[in-house]
Protein backbone atom coordinates (compact mmCIF):
# COMPACT_ATOMS: atom_id res chain seq x y z
CA MET A 1 -15.59 43.53 -34.22
CA ASP A 2 -13.91 46.10 -31.06
CA LEU A 3 -13.85 42.94 -28.81
CA ILE A 4 -11.87 40.63 -31.43
CA ASP A 5 -9.43 43.79 -32.11
CA THR A 6 -8.89 43.83 -28.81
CA LEU A 7 -8.07 40.64 -28.00
CA ARG A 8 -5.72 40.43 -30.88
CA ASP A 9 -4.12 43.19 -29.73
CA GLU A 10 -3.78 41.62 -26.11
CA LEU A 11 -2.54 38.39 -27.03
CA SER A 12 0.16 39.80 -29.88
CA PHE A 13 1.40 42.16 -27.09
CA THR A 14 1.57 38.56 -24.75
CA PHE A 15 3.77 36.76 -26.94
CA HIS A 16 6.43 39.68 -26.56
CA THR A 17 8.41 37.30 -23.98
CA PHE A 18 8.86 34.64 -26.30
CA GLU A 19 9.57 36.70 -29.16
CA HIS A 20 12.25 39.44 -27.37
CA LYS A 21 13.40 36.78 -24.55
CA PRO A 22 12.95 33.29 -25.90
CA THR A 23 15.79 31.48 -23.57
CA ARG A 24 14.06 33.09 -20.47
CA ALA A 25 10.73 31.69 -21.79
CA TRP A 26 11.76 28.48 -22.24
CA LEU A 27 13.59 28.01 -18.67
CA THR A 28 10.78 29.26 -17.23
CA ILE A 29 8.17 26.67 -18.77
CA LEU A 30 10.75 23.80 -17.55
CA GLY A 31 9.53 23.47 -14.12
CA VAL A 32 6.09 23.57 -15.60
CA PHE A 33 6.25 21.02 -18.21
CA ILE A 34 8.26 18.61 -15.51
CA GLY A 35 5.44 18.92 -13.37
CA ILE A 36 2.62 17.70 -15.81
CA ALA A 37 4.83 15.55 -17.69
CA ALA A 38 5.26 13.43 -14.38
CA VAL A 39 1.68 13.84 -12.94
CA VAL A 40 0.33 12.70 -17.01
CA ALA A 41 2.91 9.45 -16.76
CA LEU A 42 1.94 8.44 -13.53
CA ILE A 43 -1.61 9.01 -13.64
CA SER A 44 -1.75 6.96 -17.07
CA LEU A 45 0.37 4.42 -16.09
CA GLY A 46 -1.92 3.70 -12.75
CA GLN A 47 -4.78 3.99 -14.52
CA GLY A 48 -3.73 1.37 -16.59
CA LEU A 49 -3.26 -0.74 -13.57
CA GLN A 50 -6.52 -0.73 -12.54
CA ASP A 51 -8.04 -1.00 -16.04
CA THR A 52 -5.80 -4.33 -15.74
CA LEU A 53 -6.19 -5.46 -12.44
CA ASN A 54 -10.35 -4.69 -12.95
CA ALA A 55 -10.00 -6.84 -16.17
CA GLU A 56 -8.32 -9.55 -14.45
CA PHE A 57 -10.92 -9.74 -11.81
CA GLU A 58 -13.87 -9.47 -14.24
CA LYS A 59 -12.42 -12.29 -15.50
CA VAL A 60 -11.82 -14.13 -12.56
CA GLY A 61 -15.16 -13.59 -11.49
CA VAL A 62 -16.90 -12.01 -8.49
CA ASP A 63 -18.14 -15.51 -7.34
CA LYS A 64 -15.32 -16.72 -5.72
CA ILE A 65 -13.80 -16.60 -2.26
CA MET A 66 -10.64 -17.49 -1.39
CA VAL A 67 -10.01 -19.24 2.20
CA SER A 68 -5.91 -19.04 2.82
CA PRO A 69 -3.74 -20.01 6.05
CA GLY A 70 -2.52 -17.23 8.32
CA THR A 71 -3.38 -13.84 8.96
CA GLY A 72 -2.32 -10.15 7.93
CA ALA A 73 -1.40 -8.56 4.79
CA MET A 74 0.38 -11.42 3.63
CA ALA A 75 -2.13 -14.05 4.54
CA LEU A 76 -2.56 -14.92 1.00
CA PHE A 77 1.08 -15.97 0.18
CA ALA A 78 1.29 -17.83 3.58
CA GLY A 79 0.37 -21.09 2.24
CA PHE A 80 3.44 -21.34 -0.32
CA THR A 81 5.89 -20.65 2.44
CA GLY A 82 5.62 -24.08 3.33
CA ALA A 83 4.87 -22.87 7.13
CA GLU A 84 0.82 -23.06 6.83
CA ARG A 85 -1.26 -25.40 5.49
CA LEU A 86 -5.40 -26.00 4.94
CA THR A 87 -6.34 -29.11 5.11
CA ASP A 88 -9.37 -31.51 4.01
CA HIS A 89 -10.81 -31.27 6.77
CA ASP A 90 -11.07 -27.67 6.02
CA VAL A 91 -12.37 -28.34 2.69
CA ASN A 92 -15.08 -30.08 4.33
CA VAL A 93 -15.86 -27.40 6.95
CA ILE A 94 -16.27 -24.95 4.33
CA GLU A 95 -18.22 -27.09 2.30
CA ARG A 96 -20.60 -27.31 4.92
CA ALA A 97 -21.25 -23.65 5.01
CA LYS A 98 -24.65 -22.30 3.58
CA GLY A 99 -24.27 -20.91 0.28
CA VAL A 100 -20.82 -22.75 -0.81
CA GLU A 101 -21.10 -24.67 -3.98
CA LYS A 102 -17.53 -26.29 -3.93
CA ALA A 103 -14.55 -25.62 -2.12
CA ILE A 104 -10.86 -25.98 -4.14
CA GLY A 105 -7.63 -26.56 -2.67
CA PHE A 106 -4.15 -26.44 -4.36
CA THR A 107 -0.78 -26.77 -3.54
CA GLY A 108 2.32 -24.20 -4.28
CA VAL A 109 5.88 -24.65 -4.56
CA LEU A 110 8.82 -23.03 -5.82
CA GLY A 111 10.46 -26.23 -7.46
CA LYS A 112 12.96 -27.22 -9.87
CA VAL A 113 11.89 -28.39 -12.72
CA GLY A 114 14.52 -29.90 -15.51
CA PHE A 115 14.09 -30.41 -19.32
CA LYS A 116 16.75 -32.71 -20.72
CA ASP A 117 20.40 -31.50 -19.55
CA GLU A 118 18.62 -28.01 -17.93
CA GLU A 119 17.16 -27.15 -14.19
CA GLN A 120 14.93 -24.05 -13.59
CA TYR A 121 13.10 -23.42 -10.90
CA THR A 122 9.28 -21.96 -11.15
CA PHE A 123 6.22 -22.45 -9.22
CA VAL A 124 4.77 -26.19 -9.27
CA ILE A 125 1.38 -26.24 -9.11
CA GLY A 126 -0.66 -29.34 -7.40
CA TYR A 127 -4.55 -29.63 -7.45
CA ASP A 128 -7.08 -32.73 -7.44
CA PRO A 129 -8.27 -32.96 -11.28
CA SER A 130 -11.31 -35.15 -10.39
CA LYS A 131 -12.48 -31.47 -8.35
CA MET A 132 -11.69 -29.17 -11.16
CA THR A 133 -10.29 -28.24 -14.36
CA MET A 134 -8.23 -25.08 -15.14
CA GLN A 135 -11.36 -23.28 -16.73
CA GLU A 136 -12.75 -23.67 -13.44
CA GLY A 137 -10.22 -23.24 -10.80
CA PHE A 138 -7.63 -21.07 -12.35
CA ASN A 139 -10.07 -19.46 -15.15
CA THR A 140 -7.75 -20.39 -17.69
CA PRO A 141 -8.30 -23.45 -20.55
CA VAL A 142 -6.02 -25.25 -21.65
CA GLU A 143 -4.79 -24.59 -25.66
CA LYS A 144 -3.33 -27.68 -26.24
CA GLY A 145 -3.51 -31.51 -25.31
CA ARG A 146 -5.79 -32.26 -22.88
CA GLU A 147 -6.58 -31.58 -19.13
CA LEU A 148 -5.26 -33.85 -16.19
CA LYS A 149 -7.78 -36.22 -14.83
CA SER A 150 -8.20 -38.64 -12.49
CA GLY A 151 -5.13 -41.31 -12.54
CA ASP A 152 -2.57 -39.28 -14.04
CA LYS A 153 -0.67 -39.43 -11.13
CA TYR A 154 2.53 -38.48 -13.04
CA LYS A 155 1.04 -36.61 -15.91
CA ILE A 156 1.74 -32.29 -15.78
CA LEU A 157 0.13 -29.50 -17.57
CA ILE A 158 2.77 -26.62 -18.55
CA GLY A 159 2.42 -22.73 -18.95
CA TYR A 160 1.80 -21.12 -21.89
CA GLU A 161 5.48 -19.50 -22.41
CA ILE A 162 7.43 -22.78 -21.69
CA ALA A 163 5.66 -24.49 -24.86
CA HIS A 164 5.50 -21.15 -26.81
CA SER A 165 9.49 -19.18 -25.75
CA THR A 166 12.28 -19.63 -24.45
CA TRP A 167 11.95 -18.11 -21.03
CA LEU A 168 12.46 -21.06 -18.77
CA PHE A 169 14.45 -23.31 -21.02
CA SER A 170 16.91 -22.99 -23.96
CA LYS A 171 14.22 -24.73 -26.10
CA GLU A 172 10.79 -24.97 -26.46
CA VAL A 173 8.81 -27.95 -24.29
CA LYS A 174 6.22 -29.76 -26.88
CA ILE A 175 3.30 -32.24 -26.02
CA GLY A 176 4.75 -36.11 -25.29
CA ASP A 177 7.99 -34.11 -23.55
CA THR A 178 9.03 -35.33 -20.12
CA LEU A 179 9.95 -33.02 -17.25
CA ARG A 180 11.79 -34.17 -14.12
CA ILE A 181 10.49 -32.78 -10.19
CA SER A 182 12.28 -33.78 -7.31
CA GLY A 183 13.27 -37.00 -9.49
CA ALA A 184 9.88 -38.21 -10.26
CA ASP A 185 9.40 -38.29 -14.63
CA PHE A 186 6.22 -36.01 -15.78
CA THR A 187 5.07 -36.80 -19.13
CA VAL A 188 3.69 -33.47 -21.19
CA VAL A 189 -0.03 -33.90 -21.58
CA GLY A 190 -1.42 -30.41 -22.38
CA ILE A 191 -0.32 -26.81 -22.46
CA VAL A 192 -2.64 -23.94 -20.58
CA ASP A 193 -3.29 -21.13 -22.31
CA LYS A 194 -2.04 -17.64 -22.38
CA ILE A 195 -2.49 -16.12 -18.76
CA GLY A 196 -0.92 -12.33 -19.51
CA SER A 197 2.29 -12.38 -16.82
CA ARG A 198 5.50 -14.29 -17.19
CA GLN A 199 5.49 -15.62 -13.60
CA ASP A 200 1.61 -17.26 -14.40
CA ASP A 201 2.95 -18.35 -18.00
CA THR A 202 5.81 -20.25 -16.89
CA GLN A 203 4.07 -22.26 -14.21
CA VAL A 204 3.13 -26.26 -14.22
CA TYR A 205 0.52 -28.23 -12.83
CA ILE A 206 0.49 -31.48 -11.65
CA PRO A 207 -2.05 -33.79 -9.60
CA LYS A 208 -1.98 -33.40 -5.86
CA GLU A 209 -1.61 -37.00 -5.40
CA ALA A 210 2.11 -36.15 -6.90
CA SER A 211 2.58 -33.10 -5.08
CA ASP A 212 2.26 -34.31 -2.06
CA GLU A 213 4.17 -37.44 -2.63
CA ILE A 214 7.36 -35.47 -3.72
CA TYR A 215 6.96 -32.72 -1.44
CA HIS A 216 5.49 -34.87 1.34
CA ASP A 217 3.16 -32.07 2.29
CA PRO A 218 -0.45 -32.94 2.03
CA GLY A 219 -1.87 -29.79 3.01
CA TYR A 220 -3.46 -26.90 0.80
CA ALA A 221 -1.39 -23.18 0.40
CA LEU A 222 -4.88 -21.62 -1.30
CA MET A 223 -8.29 -22.57 -1.32
CA TYR A 224 -11.36 -21.34 -3.84
CA VAL A 225 -14.79 -21.35 -2.96
CA ILE A 226 -17.36 -21.15 -5.51
CA THR A 227 -20.38 -19.60 -4.17
CA LYS A 228 -23.90 -20.92 -5.20
CA THR A 229 -26.51 -18.63 -7.46
CA GLY A 230 -28.40 -16.73 -5.35
CA PHE A 231 -25.99 -16.03 -2.64
CA LEU A 232 -23.74 -13.03 -1.78
CA PRO A 233 -20.31 -13.49 -1.90
CA GLY A 234 -20.01 -11.58 0.84
CA GLY A 235 -22.33 -13.87 2.85
CA VAL A 236 -20.98 -16.49 2.62
CA ALA A 237 -17.61 -15.22 3.23
CA ASP A 238 -19.37 -14.26 6.73
CA ASN A 239 -21.02 -17.93 6.66
CA ILE A 240 -17.36 -19.86 6.29
CA MET A 241 -15.95 -17.59 8.68
CA GLY A 242 -18.05 -18.50 11.49
CA ALA A 243 -17.90 -22.27 10.34
CA MET A 244 -14.12 -22.60 10.66
CA ARG A 245 -14.62 -20.32 13.91
CA LYS A 246 -17.14 -22.82 15.39
CA ASP A 247 -14.25 -26.03 14.08
CA ARG A 248 -11.32 -24.15 15.71
CA ASP A 249 -13.24 -23.34 18.70
CA GLN A 250 -11.46 -19.52 18.17
CA LYS A 251 -12.99 -16.12 18.86
CA LYS A 252 -13.57 -13.31 16.50
CA GLY A 253 -10.11 -11.41 15.81
CA GLU A 254 -8.16 -14.62 16.84
CA GLU A 255 -8.36 -16.59 13.46
CA ASP A 256 -4.93 -18.28 12.02
CA PHE A 257 -6.81 -18.38 8.73
CA SER A 258 -8.70 -15.68 6.48
CA VAL A 259 -11.32 -15.33 4.24
CA THR A 260 -11.26 -12.91 1.34
CA THR A 261 -13.43 -12.35 -1.56
CA PHE A 262 -12.35 -11.21 -5.14
CA GLU A 263 -13.99 -7.98 -4.78
CA GLN A 264 -12.70 -6.99 -1.24
CA LEU A 265 -9.24 -8.04 -2.77
CA ALA A 266 -10.12 -5.67 -6.25
CA GLU A 267 -10.66 -3.16 -3.46
CA THR A 268 -7.88 -3.34 -1.39
CA SER A 269 -5.36 -3.89 -4.35
CA LEU A 270 -6.70 -0.34 -6.09
CA SER A 271 -6.83 1.27 -2.77
CA VAL A 272 -3.15 0.56 -2.71
CA ILE A 273 -2.47 1.71 -6.13
CA SER A 274 -4.47 5.30 -5.76
CA THR A 275 -2.64 6.09 -2.69
CA VAL A 276 0.91 4.96 -4.35
CA GLN A 277 -0.11 7.42 -6.94
CA THR A 278 -1.44 10.03 -5.02
CA VAL A 279 1.60 10.15 -2.96
CA ILE A 280 4.28 9.84 -5.84
CA ILE A 281 1.90 12.33 -7.65
CA GLY A 282 2.08 15.25 -4.37
CA ILE A 283 5.95 14.98 -5.08
CA ALA A 284 5.78 15.67 -8.48
CA ALA A 285 3.37 18.32 -8.19
CA ILE A 286 6.23 20.69 -6.18
CA SER A 287 8.26 20.68 -9.39
CA LEU A 288 4.88 22.55 -10.45
CA ILE A 289 5.14 25.17 -7.31
CA VAL A 290 9.00 25.51 -8.28
CA GLY A 291 7.56 26.40 -12.17
CA GLY A 292 4.81 29.00 -10.43
CA ILE A 293 7.21 30.71 -8.44
CA GLY A 294 9.13 30.71 -12.06
CA ILE A 295 6.23 32.17 -13.86
CA MET A 296 5.69 35.25 -11.16
CA ASN A 297 10.00 35.73 -11.14
CA THR A 298 9.59 36.31 -14.78
CA MET A 299 6.59 38.47 -14.98
CA TYR A 300 7.89 40.51 -12.72
CA THR A 301 10.84 41.09 -14.70
CA SER A 302 8.53 41.68 -18.15
CA VAL A 303 6.24 44.16 -15.96
CA LEU A 304 9.42 46.30 -15.54
CA GLU A 305 11.23 45.64 -18.61
CA ARG A 306 7.62 47.03 -20.19
CA THR A 307 7.05 49.58 -17.41
CA HIS A 308 7.41 52.70 -20.12
CA GLU A 309 4.88 50.55 -22.82
CA ILE A 310 2.43 50.46 -19.74
CA GLY A 311 2.77 53.94 -19.63
CA VAL A 312 1.72 54.79 -22.93
CA MET A 313 -1.17 52.27 -23.35
CA LYS A 314 -2.45 53.98 -20.35
CA ALA A 315 -1.66 57.21 -22.23
CA ILE A 316 -3.88 56.71 -25.16
CA GLY A 317 -6.70 55.08 -22.97
CA ALA A 318 -6.09 51.55 -21.79
CA LYS A 319 -7.83 50.40 -19.03
CA ASN A 320 -6.10 48.69 -15.75
CA SER A 321 -8.22 45.64 -16.39
CA ASP A 322 -6.73 45.56 -20.07
CA ILE A 323 -3.26 46.08 -18.75
CA MET A 324 -3.74 42.58 -15.94
CA MET A 325 -5.07 40.59 -18.28
CA ILE A 326 -2.56 41.29 -21.13
CA PHE A 327 0.10 39.88 -18.14
CA LEU A 328 -2.82 37.20 -17.26
CA LEU A 329 -2.72 35.55 -20.57
CA GLU A 330 1.49 35.94 -20.79
CA SER A 331 1.30 34.06 -17.87
CA GLY A 332 -1.20 31.90 -18.83
CA ILE A 333 0.42 31.43 -21.93
CA LEU A 334 3.60 30.57 -20.42
CA GLY A 335 1.49 27.68 -18.70
CA LEU A 336 -0.37 26.38 -21.15
CA VAL A 337 2.87 26.08 -23.73
CA GLY A 338 4.37 23.79 -20.92
CA GLY A 339 1.74 22.09 -20.16
CA LEU A 340 1.46 20.96 -23.79
CA ILE A 341 5.20 20.27 -23.79
CA GLY A 342 4.73 18.18 -20.57
CA VAL A 343 1.56 16.16 -21.90
CA GLY A 344 3.61 14.92 -24.74
CA LEU A 345 6.66 14.01 -23.22
CA GLY A 346 4.34 12.49 -20.16
CA MET A 347 2.64 10.10 -22.46
CA GLY A 348 6.19 9.21 -24.30
CA VAL A 349 7.22 8.42 -20.85
CA GLY A 350 4.14 6.31 -19.74
CA MET A 351 4.48 4.38 -23.13
CA LEU A 352 8.06 4.09 -23.00
CA VAL A 353 6.79 2.23 -19.12
CA SER A 354 4.45 0.49 -20.61
CA ALA A 355 6.30 -1.35 -23.46
CA ILE A 356 8.86 -2.36 -20.45
CA ILE A 357 5.91 -3.48 -18.56
CA SER A 358 4.42 -5.98 -20.79
CA GLN A 359 7.67 -7.87 -21.35
CA SER A 360 6.70 -9.60 -18.48
CA LEU A 361 3.06 -8.39 -18.23
CA PRO A 362 1.40 -8.41 -21.68
CA MET A 363 -2.23 -7.46 -20.84
CA PHE A 364 -1.08 -4.68 -19.10
CA LEU A 365 -1.74 -1.20 -21.18
CA VAL A 366 -1.25 2.36 -20.37
CA SER A 367 -4.52 4.24 -20.51
CA PHE A 368 -4.61 8.44 -21.50
CA PRO A 369 -7.90 9.11 -20.86
CA PRO A 370 -9.36 12.26 -22.35
CA TRP A 371 -9.85 13.85 -18.97
CA LEU A 372 -6.13 13.59 -18.32
CA THR A 373 -5.34 15.71 -21.28
CA ILE A 374 -7.58 18.22 -20.76
CA GLY A 375 -6.77 18.48 -17.07
CA SER A 376 -3.78 18.41 -17.24
CA LEU A 377 -3.93 21.70 -19.50
CA ALA A 378 -6.76 23.25 -17.72
CA PHE A 379 -4.31 23.14 -14.87
CA SER A 380 -0.93 24.10 -16.29
CA PHE A 381 -2.69 27.18 -17.84
CA ILE A 382 -4.45 28.14 -14.30
CA VAL A 383 -1.21 27.94 -12.78
CA GLY A 384 0.08 30.30 -15.02
CA SER A 385 -2.33 32.51 -14.81
CA LEU A 386 -2.42 32.43 -10.59
CA SER A 387 1.33 33.17 -10.75
CA GLY A 388 1.17 36.20 -13.07
CA ALA A 389 -1.56 37.51 -11.25
CA LEU A 390 0.41 39.59 -7.90
CA PRO A 391 2.61 41.25 -11.35
CA ALA A 392 -0.14 41.83 -13.58
CA LEU A 393 -1.91 43.65 -10.46
CA GLN A 394 1.16 45.35 -10.27
CA ALA A 395 1.12 46.78 -13.85
CA ALA A 396 -2.54 47.36 -13.85
CA ARG A 397 -2.01 49.84 -10.80
CA MET A 398 1.16 51.62 -12.67
CA LYS A 399 0.05 55.63 -12.68
CA PRO A 400 0.66 56.42 -16.01
CA ALA A 401 2.73 59.50 -15.93
CA GLU A 402 5.19 57.86 -13.39
CA ALA A 403 5.58 54.62 -16.08
CA LEU A 404 6.47 57.13 -19.11
CA ARG A 405 9.02 58.53 -17.16
CA HIS A 406 10.97 55.40 -16.50
């Protein structure tokens, strides 16, 4: 019972700053809650992005490998610039590699697409419908209508949003409507199911035969490789690298192509996100340091203002540890209150940014794991307590007689 009474008295004393100096208390915690809010918002958005990427990679499947012309960080996009292409010969070489079930190539051009009296730019994807379906190649089924098939030279599939919104054209496009691409008319035979991003959901898909004709480019911008059952994608990727190096008479490190597994792509993407997130959080942590300094300054002032009270408490038997605990609790509560406000503000900012991002990336959802809230509150309390350690030590070391004379 004595312990509870002591703790109650200590807590009552710690709220002195909030009761008698409320403006100073709120200004003190300003730096703390801004820092915590920034950290919570950034981590929640980063976690949401990681969860979204993991879900998308799981949806596509880890048994696929991507082969692209070019090397370096932008290798996966080299084929879409038109500067480099893979060929049918490359398809044959890849399909002969050990562990390869099938190699599927497709083109990608940012082309002008017309509907009635409107023209807009969007990606025009070309593929061979005799070798793949939308589900097999893009992990997306046709929502309405039918797939492309052999002989559909001037037939076209449209992205979900072209048919269900006015993002691309002022009117929704229906099955049976006609779209113009580079002077050729294509009849809509199917609507692709929703993928999730505005860019993907406003693409159009045509037979590669038609793509080669209107763009005069028979190559492939990118190639999906499906592995055989029982083979690890990493090992099959090495086999493809070896086969293509041998065919092109290239040495290791001199390749003009790239082979990437979806697992590697996921790891690289998540690594980049984590690095950027760490740097930004490090910058945000500076405000926590500023907040800690503010708490320390407030606690030194509080000790000075209550020197006489400290003397009275020591005169009636308070120990040094009691005095120190009072001021540590006060500084810790200042930090904790800042943390509570910061967590709430950070969640609000995270949800606001998530709502903005979801306009173009509907599958994105901000994530607030329990450890983030608990960790943020614990961290803010620790920052406050550590910031008040030196002032609390100064208060504990005061001599009763000198304090009473203050």
